[in-house]
Amino acid sequence: MLHQYIDPILEMIKNGVESWGYMGVLLMMAIESANIPLPSEAIMPTAGILVQQGKMDIHLAALAGALGCLIGSIPSYFLGLWGGRPFLEKYGKFFLLKSKELELADKWVSKYGDVTFFICRMLPVVRTFISFPAGVLRAHFLIFCIFTFVGSLIWCYFLTWVGIKFGENMEVFRDLWHKFDIAIVLVCVLGFGFYLWHHLKPEHGEKNGA
């Protein structure tokens, strides 16, 4: 059932990366970092498969992904900086942002400081919403950009490498999936499904009609 909703998105990502190359990677990673559920767990492994096929370069693919993350994070940062918590309370649901996520970011920043933004860029789910809390918490913009880029670069290298390894063994899995290369699906379907469930389920107060 889940694949009926996820398959079209995966196909769009696959076609986008194949057709647009590095620019496609950059644009889609920017979209993902702007709090829109387009999973990096599908984008970068797709690039990795193309690297394995000799159609892309691993360093340029990872660089394009990291630049996309930085570009997409900046609008989200300034939304948090200018709109603050009132913006989150009023419009956060439209960006799949929840108050408890801001509270979690508060705790992380209090405990680890600005390095939180570096760590979060290498964590699934968390990485997509951390930019908005960074703005709300008025993190130093230059430090935020540096940590965002470096953390995202590491994440992009890792996911590209995963795609390369899947590409090297694609024939083993090819017949197991009816529509798409299992190399892409195995990497992202569980992560993306959890991402949507995590962001779309009602918060505790909403369940009680609060």
N, C-alpha and C. Protein backbone atom coordinates (compact mmCIF):
# COMPACT_ATOMS: atom_id res chain seq x y z
N MET A 1 0.83 -1.21 0.00
CA MET A 1 0.00 0.00 0.00
C MET A 1 0.87 1.26 0.00
N LEU A 2 1.89 1.24 0.84
CA LEU A 2 2.76 2.42 0.95
C LEU A 2 3.45 2.74 -0.36
N HIS A 3 3.82 1.68 -1.11
CA HIS A 3 4.59 1.93 -2.34
C HIS A 3 3.77 2.68 -3.38
N GLN A 4 2.43 2.61 -3.29
CA GLN A 4 1.59 3.34 -4.24
C GLN A 4 1.79 4.84 -4.13
N TYR A 5 2.13 5.32 -2.94
CA TYR A 5 2.34 6.75 -2.73
C TYR A 5 3.81 7.13 -2.94
N ILE A 6 4.69 6.21 -2.62
CA ILE A 6 6.12 6.51 -2.68
C ILE A 6 6.71 6.30 -4.07
N ASP A 7 6.21 5.29 -4.80
CA ASP A 7 6.77 4.96 -6.11
C ASP A 7 6.81 6.15 -7.07
N PRO A 8 5.72 6.94 -7.21
CA PRO A 8 5.79 8.08 -8.15
C PRO A 8 6.85 9.09 -7.77
N ILE A 9 7.06 9.30 -6.47
CA ILE A 9 8.09 10.23 -6.02
C ILE A 9 9.47 9.69 -6.35
N LEU A 10 9.66 8.40 -6.13
CA LEU A 10 10.95 7.79 -6.44
C LEU A 10 11.25 7.85 -7.94
N GLU A 11 10.22 7.62 -8.73
CA GLU A 11 10.39 7.68 -10.19
C GLU A 11 10.76 9.10 -10.63
N MET A 12 10.12 10.10 -10.02
CA MET A 12 10.43 11.49 -10.34
C MET A 12 11.88 11.80 -9.98
N ILE A 13 12.31 11.34 -8.81
CA ILE A 13 13.69 11.57 -8.38
C ILE A 13 14.67 10.89 -9.33
N LYS A 14 14.40 9.64 -9.64
CA LYS A 14 15.28 8.88 -10.53
C LYS A 14 15.40 9.57 -11.90
N ASN A 15 14.26 9.96 -12.45
CA ASN A 15 14.27 10.62 -13.76
C ASN A 15 14.94 11.98 -13.69
N GLY A 16 14.72 12.70 -12.59
CA GLY A 16 15.30 14.03 -12.44
C GLY A 16 16.81 13.99 -12.38
N VAL A 17 17.35 13.05 -11.60
CA VAL A 17 18.81 12.94 -11.49
C VAL A 17 19.41 12.48 -12.81
N GLU A 18 18.76 11.52 -13.46
CA GLU A 18 19.29 11.02 -14.74
C GLU A 18 19.24 12.09 -15.82
N SER A 19 18.19 12.91 -15.82
CA SER A 19 18.01 13.91 -16.88
C SER A 19 18.81 15.19 -16.63
N TRP A 20 18.84 15.64 -15.38
CA TRP A 20 19.44 16.94 -15.07
C TRP A 20 20.83 16.85 -14.46
N GLY A 21 21.25 15.64 -14.12
CA GLY A 21 22.59 15.47 -13.59
C GLY A 21 22.82 16.21 -12.29
N TYR A 22 23.97 16.88 -12.19
CA TYR A 22 24.34 17.56 -10.95
C TYR A 22 23.34 18.64 -10.58
N MET A 23 22.80 19.35 -11.56
CA MET A 23 21.82 20.38 -11.27
C MET A 23 20.55 19.78 -10.67
N GLY A 24 20.18 18.60 -11.15
CA GLY A 24 19.03 17.91 -10.58
C GLY A 24 19.27 17.54 -9.13
N VAL A 25 20.47 17.06 -8.83
CA VAL A 25 20.83 16.73 -7.45
C VAL A 25 20.75 17.98 -6.59
N LEU A 26 21.34 19.07 -7.07
CA LEU A 26 21.35 20.32 -6.32
C LEU A 26 19.93 20.81 -6.03
N LEU A 27 19.10 20.84 -7.05
CA LEU A 27 17.74 21.36 -6.89
C LEU A 27 16.91 20.51 -5.94
N MET A 28 16.99 19.19 -6.10
CA MET A 28 16.17 18.33 -5.25
C MET A 28 16.66 18.31 -3.81
N MET A 29 17.96 18.40 -3.60
CA MET A 29 18.46 18.46 -2.23
C MET A 29 18.11 19.80 -1.59
N ALA A 30 18.03 20.86 -2.40
CA ALA A 30 17.59 22.16 -1.88
C ALA A 30 16.13 22.08 -1.45
N ILE A 31 15.30 21.41 -2.24
CA ILE A 31 13.89 21.23 -1.89
C ILE A 31 13.76 20.46 -0.58
N GLU A 32 14.55 19.40 -0.45
CA GLU A 32 14.49 18.59 0.77
C GLU A 32 14.86 19.41 1.99
N SER A 33 15.85 20.27 1.86
CA SER A 33 16.32 21.07 3.00
C SER A 33 15.41 22.24 3.30
N ALA A 34 14.43 22.50 2.44
CA ALA A 34 13.46 23.57 2.67
C ALA A 34 12.18 23.04 3.30
N ASN A 35 12.32 21.92 4.04
CA ASN A 35 11.21 21.32 4.79
C ASN A 35 10.13 20.72 3.89
N ILE A 36 10.50 20.30 2.69
CA ILE A 36 9.58 19.64 1.78
C ILE A 36 10.01 18.17 1.68
N PRO A 37 9.09 17.22 1.90
CA PRO A 37 9.47 15.81 2.01
C PRO A 37 9.91 15.18 0.70
N LEU A 38 11.10 15.49 0.28
CA LEU A 38 11.73 14.86 -0.88
C LEU A 38 13.01 14.22 -0.35
N PRO A 39 13.05 12.93 -0.16
CA PRO A 39 14.08 12.30 0.67
C PRO A 39 15.48 12.25 0.04
N SER A 40 16.45 12.76 0.79
CA SER A 40 17.84 12.64 0.36
C SER A 40 18.25 11.18 0.28
N GLU A 41 17.56 10.32 1.04
CA GLU A 41 17.86 8.89 1.04
C GLU A 41 17.53 8.23 -0.30
N ALA A 42 16.84 8.97 -1.18
CA ALA A 42 16.60 8.49 -2.54
C ALA A 42 17.45 9.25 -3.55
N ILE A 43 17.62 10.56 -3.31
CA ILE A 43 18.31 11.42 -4.28
C ILE A 43 19.78 11.03 -4.43
N MET A 44 20.50 11.00 -3.32
CA MET A 44 21.94 10.77 -3.40
C MET A 44 22.30 9.33 -3.79
N PRO A 45 21.58 8.30 -3.31
CA PRO A 45 21.89 6.96 -3.82
C PRO A 45 21.64 6.81 -5.32
N THR A 46 20.64 7.53 -5.83
CA THR A 46 20.43 7.52 -7.28
C THR A 46 21.65 8.07 -8.00
N ALA A 47 22.20 9.17 -7.46
CA ALA A 47 23.43 9.72 -8.02
C ALA A 47 24.57 8.71 -7.90
N GLY A 48 24.59 7.99 -6.77
CA GLY A 48 25.64 6.99 -6.58
C GLY A 48 25.58 5.88 -7.62
N ILE A 49 24.38 5.47 -7.99
CA ILE A 49 24.24 4.45 -9.03
C ILE A 49 24.79 4.97 -10.35
N LEU A 50 24.53 6.25 -10.64
CA LEU A 50 25.06 6.83 -11.88
C LEU A 50 26.59 6.98 -11.81
N VAL A 51 27.11 7.22 -10.61
CA VAL A 51 28.57 7.24 -10.44
C VAL A 51 29.14 5.86 -10.77
N GLN A 52 28.50 4.83 -10.25
CA GLN A 52 28.96 3.46 -10.49
C GLN A 52 28.93 3.12 -11.98
N GLN A 53 27.98 3.72 -12.69
CA GLN A 53 27.84 3.49 -14.13
C GLN A 53 28.76 4.39 -14.95
N GLY A 54 29.54 5.22 -14.29
CA GLY A 54 30.47 6.10 -14.99
C GLY A 54 29.84 7.35 -15.56
N LYS A 55 28.60 7.68 -15.17
CA LYS A 55 27.89 8.83 -15.71
C LYS A 55 28.02 10.07 -14.84
N MET A 56 28.48 9.92 -13.61
CA MET A 56 28.69 11.06 -12.71
C MET A 56 29.98 10.84 -11.93
N ASP A 57 30.46 11.91 -11.32
CA ASP A 57 31.65 11.85 -10.47
C ASP A 57 31.22 11.94 -9.01
N ILE A 58 31.75 11.09 -8.15
CA ILE A 58 31.31 11.04 -6.76
C ILE A 58 31.52 12.37 -6.03
N HIS A 59 32.65 13.02 -6.32
CA HIS A 59 32.95 14.28 -5.62
C HIS A 59 32.02 15.40 -6.07
N LEU A 60 31.76 15.48 -7.35
CA LEU A 60 30.86 16.51 -7.86
C LEU A 60 29.42 16.24 -7.42
N ALA A 61 29.03 14.97 -7.37
CA ALA A 61 27.68 14.63 -6.92
C ALA A 61 27.49 15.03 -5.46
N ALA A 62 28.45 14.68 -4.61
CA ALA A 62 28.35 15.03 -3.20
C ALA A 62 28.39 16.54 -3.00
N LEU A 63 29.22 17.23 -3.77
CA LEU A 63 29.30 18.68 -3.68
C LEU A 63 27.97 19.33 -4.09
N ALA A 64 27.38 18.83 -5.17
CA ALA A 64 26.10 19.37 -5.62
C ALA A 64 25.03 19.15 -4.55
N GLY A 65 25.04 17.98 -3.93
CA GLY A 65 24.08 17.70 -2.87
C GLY A 65 24.26 18.61 -1.68
N ALA A 66 25.50 18.83 -1.26
CA ALA A 66 25.77 19.69 -0.10
C ALA A 66 25.41 21.14 -0.39
N LEU A 67 25.71 21.62 -1.59
CA LEU A 67 25.33 22.98 -1.96
C LEU A 67 23.81 23.13 -1.98
N GLY A 68 23.13 22.11 -2.48
CA GLY A 68 21.68 22.15 -2.48
C GLY A 68 21.13 22.22 -1.07
N CYS A 69 21.70 21.44 -0.17
CA CYS A 69 21.27 21.48 1.23
C CYS A 69 21.45 22.88 1.82
N LEU A 70 22.57 23.50 1.54
CA LEU A 70 22.84 24.84 2.07
C LEU A 70 21.85 25.85 1.49
N ILE A 71 21.65 25.80 0.20
CA ILE A 71 20.74 26.75 -0.46
C ILE A 71 19.32 26.60 0.08
N GLY A 72 18.86 25.36 0.23
CA GLY A 72 17.51 25.13 0.72
C GLY A 72 17.33 25.47 2.18
N SER A 73 18.41 25.42 2.94
CA SER A 73 18.32 25.68 4.37
C SER A 73 18.21 27.16 4.70
N ILE A 74 18.74 28.00 3.83
CA ILE A 74 18.78 29.44 4.13
C ILE A 74 17.38 30.05 4.23
N PRO A 75 16.45 29.79 3.30
CA PRO A 75 15.10 30.35 3.47
C PRO A 75 14.43 29.87 4.76
N SER A 76 14.62 28.59 5.09
CA SER A 76 14.03 28.04 6.30
C SER A 76 14.61 28.72 7.54
N TYR A 77 15.92 28.99 7.51
CA TYR A 77 16.58 29.69 8.62
C TYR A 77 15.95 31.07 8.83
N PHE A 78 15.78 31.81 7.73
CA PHE A 78 15.25 33.17 7.86
C PHE A 78 13.77 33.19 8.21
N LEU A 79 13.04 32.15 7.81
CA LEU A 79 11.65 32.03 8.27
C LEU A 79 11.61 31.93 9.79
N GLY A 80 12.52 31.12 10.32
CA GLY A 80 12.59 30.99 11.77
C GLY A 80 13.07 32.27 12.44
N LEU A 81 14.04 32.94 11.82
CA LEU A 81 14.60 34.16 12.39
C LEU A 81 13.57 35.28 12.44
N TRP A 82 12.82 35.45 11.37
CA TRP A 82 11.87 36.56 11.27
C TRP A 82 10.49 36.21 11.82
N GLY A 83 10.09 34.93 11.66
CA GLY A 83 8.76 34.55 12.12
C GLY A 83 8.72 34.03 13.54
N GLY A 84 9.79 33.36 13.95
CA GLY A 84 9.89 32.87 15.31
C GLY A 84 8.85 31.81 15.66
N ARG A 85 8.68 31.63 16.95
CA ARG A 85 7.74 30.62 17.45
C ARG A 85 6.29 30.89 17.04
N PRO A 86 5.84 32.16 17.02
CA PRO A 86 4.46 32.40 16.57
C PRO A 86 4.19 31.88 15.15
N PHE A 87 5.19 32.04 14.28
CA PHE A 87 5.05 31.52 12.91
C PHE A 87 4.91 30.00 12.93
N LEU A 88 5.73 29.34 13.76
CA LEU A 88 5.67 27.88 13.85
C LEU A 88 4.31 27.43 14.35
N GLU A 89 3.80 28.10 15.38
CA GLU A 89 2.51 27.71 15.95
C GLU A 89 1.37 27.89 14.96
N LYS A 90 1.48 28.91 14.10
CA LYS A 90 0.40 29.21 13.18
C LYS A 90 0.52 28.46 11.86
N TYR A 91 1.74 28.36 11.33
CA TYR A 91 1.93 27.81 9.98
C TYR A 91 2.81 26.56 9.93
N GLY A 92 3.33 26.14 11.06
CA GLY A 92 4.27 25.02 11.05
C GLY A 92 3.72 23.76 10.42
N LYS A 93 2.42 23.51 10.60
CA LYS A 93 1.84 22.28 10.05
C LYS A 93 1.93 22.22 8.53
N PHE A 94 1.97 23.38 7.89
CA PHE A 94 2.07 23.40 6.43
C PHE A 94 3.47 23.04 5.95
N PHE A 95 4.46 23.14 6.84
CA PHE A 95 5.84 22.80 6.52
C PHE A 95 6.26 21.49 7.19
N LEU A 96 5.26 20.76 7.73
CA LEU A 96 5.53 19.52 8.46
C LEU A 96 6.46 19.75 9.64
N LEU A 97 6.33 20.92 10.28
CA LEU A 97 7.10 21.26 11.47
C LEU A 97 6.21 21.17 12.69
N LYS A 98 6.74 20.68 13.77
CA LYS A 98 5.97 20.53 14.99
C LYS A 98 6.68 21.21 16.16
N SER A 99 5.87 21.65 17.12
CA SER A 99 6.43 22.37 18.26
C SER A 99 7.40 21.49 19.05
N LYS A 100 7.10 20.19 19.10
CA LYS A 100 7.99 19.31 19.87
C LYS A 100 9.37 19.20 19.21
N GLU A 101 9.42 19.40 17.87
CA GLU A 101 10.71 19.37 17.19
C GLU A 101 11.54 20.60 17.55
N LEU A 102 10.88 21.73 17.70
CA LEU A 102 11.58 22.93 18.14
C LEU A 102 12.07 22.77 19.57
N GLU A 103 11.26 22.14 20.40
CA GLU A 103 11.67 21.88 21.78
C GLU A 103 12.88 20.95 21.82
N LEU A 104 12.87 19.95 20.94
CA LEU A 104 14.01 19.04 20.86
C LEU A 104 15.26 19.79 20.43
N ALA A 105 15.12 20.65 19.42
CA ALA A 105 16.26 21.45 18.96
C ALA A 105 16.77 22.36 20.07
N ASP A 106 15.85 22.94 20.85
CA ASP A 106 16.24 23.77 22.00
C ASP A 106 17.16 23.00 22.94
N LYS A 107 16.75 21.78 23.25
CA LYS A 107 17.52 20.96 24.19
C LYS A 107 18.89 20.62 23.62
N TRP A 108 18.92 20.28 22.31
CA TRP A 108 20.19 19.92 21.69
C TRP A 108 21.15 21.11 21.66
N VAL A 109 20.63 22.27 21.30
CA VAL A 109 21.48 23.46 21.24
C VAL A 109 21.97 23.83 22.63
N SER A 110 21.12 23.72 23.64
CA SER A 110 21.52 24.02 25.01
C SER A 110 22.63 23.09 25.47
N LYS A 111 22.57 21.84 25.01
CA LYS A 111 23.55 20.85 25.46
C LYS A 111 24.83 20.89 24.65
N TYR A 112 24.71 21.05 23.31
CA TYR A 112 25.88 20.91 22.44
C TYR A 112 26.30 22.21 21.75
N GLY A 113 25.49 23.26 21.83
CA GLY A 113 25.84 24.51 21.17
C GLY A 113 25.65 24.44 19.66
N ASP A 114 26.38 25.28 18.93
CA ASP A 114 26.22 25.36 17.48
C ASP A 114 26.58 24.07 16.75
N VAL A 115 27.41 23.22 17.38
CA VAL A 115 27.78 21.96 16.73
C VAL A 115 26.56 21.09 16.49
N THR A 116 25.45 21.40 17.17
CA THR A 116 24.18 20.69 16.93
C THR A 116 23.82 20.71 15.46
N PHE A 117 24.03 21.86 14.80
CA PHE A 117 23.62 22.00 13.41
C PHE A 117 24.49 21.16 12.48
N PHE A 118 25.71 20.87 12.91
CA PHE A 118 26.59 19.96 12.16
C PHE A 118 26.12 18.52 12.34
N ILE A 119 25.86 18.13 13.59
CA ILE A 119 25.45 16.76 13.89
C ILE A 119 24.12 16.43 13.21
N CYS A 120 23.17 17.37 13.30
CA CYS A 120 21.83 17.11 12.78
C CYS A 120 21.81 16.95 11.27
N ARG A 121 22.78 17.51 10.57
CA ARG A 121 22.82 17.37 9.12
C ARG A 121 23.17 15.95 8.69
N MET A 122 23.58 15.11 9.63
CA MET A 122 23.92 13.73 9.31
C MET A 122 22.93 12.75 9.92
N LEU A 123 21.76 13.26 10.33
CA LEU A 123 20.74 12.41 10.94
C LEU A 123 19.47 12.42 10.09
N PRO A 124 18.96 11.25 9.73
CA PRO A 124 17.69 11.21 8.98
C PRO A 124 16.58 11.91 9.75
N VAL A 125 15.60 12.44 9.05
CA VAL A 125 14.43 13.13 9.59
C VAL A 125 14.81 14.46 10.22
N VAL A 126 15.70 14.43 11.23
CA VAL A 126 16.07 15.65 11.95
C VAL A 126 16.67 16.68 11.01
N ARG A 127 17.45 16.21 10.04
CA ARG A 127 18.19 17.13 9.18
C ARG A 127 17.27 18.04 8.37
N THR A 128 16.04 17.59 8.12
CA THR A 128 15.16 18.38 7.26
C THR A 128 14.49 19.54 7.97
N PHE A 129 14.42 19.51 9.31
CA PHE A 129 13.73 20.59 10.00
C PHE A 129 14.62 21.44 10.88
N ILE A 130 15.91 21.14 10.97
CA ILE A 130 16.78 21.83 11.92
C ILE A 130 17.04 23.29 11.53
N SER A 131 16.89 23.64 10.27
CA SER A 131 17.19 25.01 9.84
C SER A 131 16.22 26.02 10.45
N PHE A 132 14.95 25.68 10.51
CA PHE A 132 13.97 26.59 11.08
C PHE A 132 14.26 26.87 12.55
N PRO A 133 14.47 25.84 13.39
CA PRO A 133 14.85 26.12 14.78
C PRO A 133 16.13 26.92 14.90
N ALA A 134 17.08 26.72 13.98
CA ALA A 134 18.32 27.50 14.02
C ALA A 134 18.02 28.98 13.90
N GLY A 135 17.07 29.33 13.03
CA GLY A 135 16.67 30.73 12.91
C GLY A 135 15.94 31.22 14.13
N VAL A 136 15.02 30.42 14.65
CA VAL A 136 14.28 30.81 15.85
C VAL A 136 15.24 31.05 17.01
N LEU A 137 16.24 30.17 17.13
CA LEU A 137 17.22 30.28 18.22
C LEU A 137 18.32 31.30 17.93
N ARG A 138 18.21 31.97 16.77
CA ARG A 138 19.14 33.02 16.37
C ARG A 138 20.60 32.55 16.37
N ALA A 139 20.81 31.39 15.78
CA ALA A 139 22.17 30.88 15.62
C ALA A 139 22.96 31.82 14.72
N HIS A 140 24.26 31.95 14.95
CA HIS A 140 25.13 32.78 14.13
C HIS A 140 25.05 32.28 12.69
N PHE A 141 24.69 33.15 11.77
CA PHE A 141 24.37 32.72 10.41
C PHE A 141 25.57 32.08 9.71
N LEU A 142 26.75 32.67 9.80
CA LEU A 142 27.92 32.13 9.12
C LEU A 142 28.28 30.75 9.68
N ILE A 143 28.25 30.61 10.99
CA ILE A 143 28.55 29.31 11.60
C ILE A 143 27.51 28.29 11.18
N PHE A 144 26.25 28.71 11.17
CA PHE A 144 25.17 27.82 10.72
C PHE A 144 25.43 27.33 9.29
N CYS A 145 25.82 28.23 8.40
CA CYS A 145 26.08 27.87 7.00
C CYS A 145 27.25 26.90 6.89
N ILE A 146 28.32 27.16 7.63
CA ILE A 146 29.50 26.29 7.57
C ILE A 146 29.16 24.89 8.06
N PHE A 147 28.52 24.80 9.21
CA PHE A 147 28.16 23.50 9.76
C PHE A 147 27.15 22.78 8.87
N THR A 148 26.21 23.53 8.29
CA THR A 148 25.24 22.94 7.39
C THR A 148 25.93 22.33 6.18
N PHE A 149 26.85 23.07 5.58
CA PHE A 149 27.53 22.58 4.39
C PHE A 149 28.41 21.37 4.69
N VAL A 150 29.22 21.46 5.74
CA VAL A 150 30.15 20.37 6.04
C VAL A 150 29.40 19.11 6.45
N GLY A 151 28.41 19.26 7.33
CA GLY A 151 27.63 18.09 7.74
C GLY A 151 26.89 17.47 6.56
N SER A 152 26.33 18.32 5.70
CA SER A 152 25.61 17.82 4.53
C SER A 152 26.56 17.14 3.55
N LEU A 153 27.77 17.66 3.41
CA LEU A 153 28.74 17.05 2.50
C LEU A 153 29.07 15.63 2.94
N ILE A 154 29.25 15.43 4.24
CA ILE A 154 29.53 14.09 4.77
C ILE A 154 28.34 13.17 4.50
N TRP A 155 27.14 13.67 4.77
CA TRP A 155 25.92 12.90 4.54
C TRP A 155 25.78 12.52 3.06
N CYS A 156 26.05 13.47 2.18
CA CYS A 156 25.93 13.22 0.74
C CYS A 156 26.96 12.23 0.24
N TYR A 157 28.18 12.32 0.76
CA TYR A 157 29.19 11.33 0.39
C TYR A 157 28.75 9.93 0.82
N PHE A 158 28.22 9.83 2.04
CA PHE A 158 27.81 8.53 2.54
C PHE A 158 26.69 7.93 1.69
N LEU A 159 25.65 8.72 1.41
CA LEU A 159 24.54 8.20 0.63
C LEU A 159 24.94 7.90 -0.81
N THR A 160 25.85 8.69 -1.37
CA THR A 160 26.35 8.41 -2.72
C THR A 160 27.12 7.10 -2.73
N TRP A 161 27.91 6.87 -1.70
CA TRP A 161 28.67 5.61 -1.57
C TRP A 161 27.71 4.43 -1.47
N VAL A 162 26.61 4.60 -0.70
CA VAL A 162 25.60 3.54 -0.60
C VAL A 162 25.05 3.22 -1.99
N GLY A 163 24.74 4.26 -2.77
CA GLY A 163 24.24 4.05 -4.12
C GLY A 163 25.24 3.32 -5.00
N ILE A 164 26.52 3.64 -4.86
CA ILE A 164 27.57 2.96 -5.62
C ILE A 164 27.59 1.47 -5.30
N LYS A 165 27.52 1.16 -4.01
CA LYS A 165 27.57 -0.24 -3.59
C LYS A 165 26.34 -1.00 -4.07
N PHE A 166 25.18 -0.35 -4.02
CA PHE A 166 23.99 -1.00 -4.55
C PHE A 166 24.10 -1.19 -6.06
N GLY A 167 24.66 -0.18 -6.73
CA GLY A 167 24.83 -0.28 -8.17
C GLY A 167 25.72 -1.43 -8.57
N GLU A 168 26.75 -1.68 -7.76
CA GLU A 168 27.67 -2.77 -8.05
C GLU A 168 27.00 -4.14 -7.93
N ASN A 169 25.93 -4.21 -7.14
CA ASN A 169 25.25 -5.49 -6.92
C ASN A 169 23.81 -5.47 -7.44
N MET A 170 23.52 -4.55 -8.34
CA MET A 170 22.14 -4.35 -8.79
C MET A 170 21.55 -5.61 -9.41
N GLU A 171 22.34 -6.39 -10.14
CA GLU A 171 21.80 -7.56 -10.82
C GLU A 171 21.23 -8.58 -9.84
N VAL A 172 21.77 -8.59 -8.63
CA VAL A 172 21.29 -9.53 -7.62
C VAL A 172 19.84 -9.23 -7.25
N PHE A 173 19.50 -7.94 -7.27
CA PHE A 173 18.18 -7.53 -6.80
C PHE A 173 17.20 -7.18 -7.93
N ARG A 174 17.70 -7.05 -9.14
CA ARG A 174 16.89 -6.44 -10.21
C ARG A 174 15.53 -7.11 -10.38
N ASP A 175 15.45 -8.43 -10.30
CA ASP A 175 14.21 -9.14 -10.57
C ASP A 175 13.24 -9.13 -9.39
N LEU A 176 13.62 -8.52 -8.29
CA LEU A 176 12.78 -8.58 -7.10
C LEU A 176 11.79 -7.42 -7.02
N TRP A 177 11.90 -6.46 -7.91
CA TRP A 177 11.01 -5.29 -7.83
C TRP A 177 10.35 -5.07 -9.17
N HIS A 178 9.05 -4.81 -9.17
CA HIS A 178 8.29 -4.78 -10.41
C HIS A 178 8.50 -3.53 -11.23
N LYS A 179 8.91 -2.46 -10.64
CA LYS A 179 8.86 -1.20 -11.36
C LYS A 179 10.18 -0.42 -11.33
N PHE A 180 10.85 -0.43 -10.18
CA PHE A 180 12.06 0.37 -10.04
C PHE A 180 13.24 -0.48 -9.62
N ASP A 181 14.41 0.05 -9.80
CA ASP A 181 15.60 -0.63 -9.30
C ASP A 181 15.50 -0.73 -7.78
N ILE A 182 15.63 -1.95 -7.27
CA ILE A 182 15.56 -2.15 -5.83
C ILE A 182 16.68 -1.40 -5.13
N ALA A 183 17.74 -1.10 -5.88
CA ALA A 183 18.85 -0.36 -5.30
C ALA A 183 18.38 0.95 -4.68
N ILE A 184 17.46 1.63 -5.33
CA ILE A 184 16.94 2.89 -4.81
C ILE A 184 15.92 2.64 -3.72
N VAL A 185 15.03 1.70 -3.96
CA VAL A 185 13.89 1.50 -3.07
C VAL A 185 14.33 1.04 -1.68
N LEU A 186 15.24 0.07 -1.61
CA LEU A 186 15.66 -0.45 -0.33
C LEU A 186 16.26 0.64 0.56
N VAL A 187 16.97 1.56 -0.06
CA VAL A 187 17.62 2.61 0.72
C VAL A 187 16.63 3.57 1.33
N CYS A 188 15.58 3.91 0.58
CA CYS A 188 14.75 5.05 0.99
C CYS A 188 13.34 4.73 1.43
N VAL A 189 12.77 3.58 1.07
CA VAL A 189 11.34 3.42 1.29
C VAL A 189 11.00 3.40 2.78
N LEU A 190 11.79 2.71 3.59
CA LEU A 190 11.52 2.69 5.02
C LEU A 190 11.78 4.05 5.65
N GLY A 191 12.88 4.67 5.26
CA GLY A 191 13.20 5.98 5.83
C GLY A 191 12.18 7.03 5.45
N PHE A 192 11.74 7.01 4.20
CA PHE A 192 10.75 7.99 3.75
C PHE A 192 9.39 7.74 4.40
N GLY A 193 9.03 6.46 4.51
CA GLY A 193 7.77 6.12 5.16
C GLY A 193 7.75 6.57 6.61
N PHE A 194 8.85 6.35 7.31
CA PHE A 194 8.94 6.81 8.69
C PHE A 194 8.91 8.32 8.76
N TYR A 195 9.56 8.98 7.81
CA TYR A 195 9.57 10.45 7.79
C TYR A 195 8.14 10.99 7.69
N LEU A 196 7.36 10.45 6.75
CA LEU A 196 6.00 10.92 6.58
C LEU A 196 5.15 10.61 7.80
N TRP A 197 5.29 9.41 8.34
CA TRP A 197 4.52 9.04 9.53
C TRP A 197 4.87 9.95 10.69
N HIS A 198 6.13 10.23 10.86
CA HIS A 198 6.59 11.06 11.96
C HIS A 198 6.05 12.48 11.85
N HIS A 199 5.96 13.04 10.64
CA HIS A 199 5.54 14.42 10.46
C HIS A 199 4.03 14.59 10.30
N LEU A 200 3.34 13.56 9.84
CA LEU A 200 1.92 13.71 9.59
C LEU A 200 1.03 13.24 10.74
N LYS A 201 1.58 12.43 11.65
CA LYS A 201 0.75 11.98 12.77
C LYS A 201 0.45 13.18 13.67
N PRO A 202 -0.75 13.22 14.26
CA PRO A 202 -1.10 14.35 15.12
C PRO A 202 -0.29 14.36 16.40
N GLU A 203 -0.01 15.56 16.91
CA GLU A 203 0.67 15.67 18.18
C GLU A 203 -0.29 15.31 19.30
N HIS A 204 0.25 15.14 20.50
CA HIS A 204 -0.55 14.68 21.63
C HIS A 204 -1.71 15.59 21.90
N GLY A 205 -1.46 16.89 21.86
CA GLY A 205 -2.52 17.85 22.12
C GLY A 205 -3.62 17.82 21.08
N GLU A 206 -3.24 17.53 19.83
CA GLU A 206 -4.21 17.46 18.74
C GLU A 206 -5.12 16.24 18.89
N LYS A 207 -4.55 15.15 19.41
CA LYS A 207 -5.35 13.94 19.61
C LYS A 207 -6.45 14.17 20.64
N ASN A 208 -6.14 14.99 21.62
CA ASN A 208 -7.09 15.26 22.70
C ASN A 208 -7.99 16.44 22.41
N GLY A 209 -7.84 16.99 21.15
CA GLY A 209 -8.67 18.11 20.78
C GLY A 209 -8.21 19.43 21.35
N ALA A 210 -6.94 19.45 21.85
CA ALA A 210 -6.41 20.67 22.43
C ALA A 210 -6.00 21.62 21.35
